[in-house]
Amino acid sequence: MKLTYKIRGAFENGVRMYNIDHEQMYVDLCQTPKLLKSMMTKILSSLHYMSCLKLVHADIKPENILIDYDYNTKSIRDIKIIDFGTS
């Protein structure tokens, strides 16, 4: 699994400092509004489908949304919403 960012922490002068490195998918989403729209459409479509089934996901957060991203074509193949433990 690849996250859209990596957080690394280090101590400098006794203070914890964090560095955030964004992965290519995040950069592509920021630079391509069409790609962001595609991702949001797929997520909202999934939530609408669950609503039609009378399912409520009680813990929607980025960690519970898996994105199958094709780095070569810069497109989103599939999106899965996981962790229905509290639904």
Protein backbone atom coordinates (compact mmCIF):
# COMPACT_ATOMS: atom_id res chain seq x y z
CA MET A 1 0.00 0.00 0.00
CA LYS A 2 1.29 3.43 -0.93
CA LEU A 3 0.11 6.52 0.90
CA THR A 4 -0.29 9.93 -0.72
CA TYR A 5 2.30 11.28 1.71
CA LYS A 6 5.09 10.20 4.05
CA ILE A 7 5.70 11.89 7.37
CA ARG A 8 9.16 11.74 8.88
CA GLY A 9 9.96 13.17 12.27
CA ALA A 10 13.33 14.17 13.71
CA PHE A 11 14.60 16.08 16.70
CA GLU A 12 16.36 19.39 16.06
CA ASN A 13 17.59 21.38 19.05
CA GLY A 14 15.38 19.31 21.35
CA VAL A 15 12.23 20.02 19.29
CA ARG A 16 10.38 17.40 17.26
CA MET A 17 10.21 18.57 13.61
CA TYR A 18 8.12 16.87 10.93
CA ASN A 19 8.80 16.69 7.20
CA ILE A 20 5.96 15.75 4.83
CA ASP A 21 6.86 14.30 1.42
CA HIS A 22 3.96 14.10 -1.03
CA GLU A 23 3.82 11.15 -3.39
CA GLN A 24 3.22 11.43 -7.14
CA MET A 25 -0.53 10.73 -6.92
CA TYR A 26 -0.99 13.72 -4.59
CA VAL A 27 0.99 15.96 -6.96
CA ASP A 28 -1.06 14.73 -9.93
CA LEU A 29 -4.33 15.40 -8.06
CA CYS A 30 -3.22 18.96 -7.30
CA GLN A 31 -2.16 19.64 -10.88
CA THR A 32 -5.06 17.95 -12.69
CA PRO A 33 -8.56 19.08 -11.69
CA LYS A 34 -10.08 16.42 -13.99
CA LEU A 35 -8.33 13.68 -12.00
CA LEU A 36 -9.54 15.13 -8.70
CA LYS A 37 -13.08 15.31 -10.08
CA SER A 38 -12.87 11.68 -11.17
CA MET A 39 -11.71 10.60 -7.71
CA MET A 40 -14.44 12.56 -5.91
CA THR A 41 -17.12 11.27 -8.30
CA LYS A 42 -16.10 7.67 -7.58
CA ILE A 43 -16.07 8.22 -3.80
CA LEU A 44 -19.44 9.98 -3.79
CA SER A 45 -20.93 7.37 -6.09
CA SER A 46 -19.82 4.65 -3.65
CA LEU A 47 -21.36 6.52 -0.72
CA HIS A 48 -24.59 7.00 -2.67
CA TYR A 49 -24.73 3.28 -3.45
CA MET A 50 -24.24 2.44 0.23
CA SER A 51 -27.02 4.90 1.11
CA CYS A 52 -29.38 3.16 -1.33
CA LEU A 53 -28.62 -0.08 0.54
CA LYS A 54 -29.42 1.70 3.84
CA LEU A 55 -25.79 1.26 4.95
CA VAL A 56 -24.09 3.95 7.01
CA HIS A 57 -20.31 3.96 7.24
CA ALA A 58 -19.60 5.40 10.67
CA ASP A 59 -15.88 5.99 10.17
CA ILE A 60 -15.18 7.66 6.81
CA LYS A 61 -11.61 8.99 6.78
CA PRO A 62 -8.71 8.95 4.29
CA GLU A 63 -7.24 5.78 5.82
CA ASN A 64 -10.48 3.92 4.96
CA ILE A 65 -10.46 4.86 1.28
CA LEU A 66 -8.18 2.75 -0.90
CA ILE A 67 -7.29 4.15 -4.31
CA ASP A 68 -5.91 2.01 -7.13
CA TYR A 69 -3.90 4.60 -9.05
CA ASP A 70 -2.18 3.94 -12.38
CA TYR A 71 1.03 5.98 -12.32
CA ASN A 72 1.68 5.42 -16.03
CA THR A 73 -1.61 6.78 -17.35
CA LYS A 74 -2.23 9.06 -14.34
CA SER A 75 -5.72 7.70 -13.85
CA ILE A 76 -7.70 6.14 -11.04
CA ARG A 77 -8.57 2.52 -11.78
CA ASP A 78 -10.72 1.81 -8.75
CA ILE A 79 -11.67 3.07 -5.31
CA LYS A 80 -12.65 0.87 -2.36
CA ILE A 81 -14.14 1.99 0.93
CA ILE A 82 -13.11 -0.29 3.79
CA ASP A 83 -13.57 -0.84 7.54
CA PHE A 84 -17.28 -1.44 7.99
CA GLY A 85 -16.77 -2.60 11.56
CA THR A 86 -19.09 0.06 12.97
CA SER A 87 -21.60 0.26 10.11
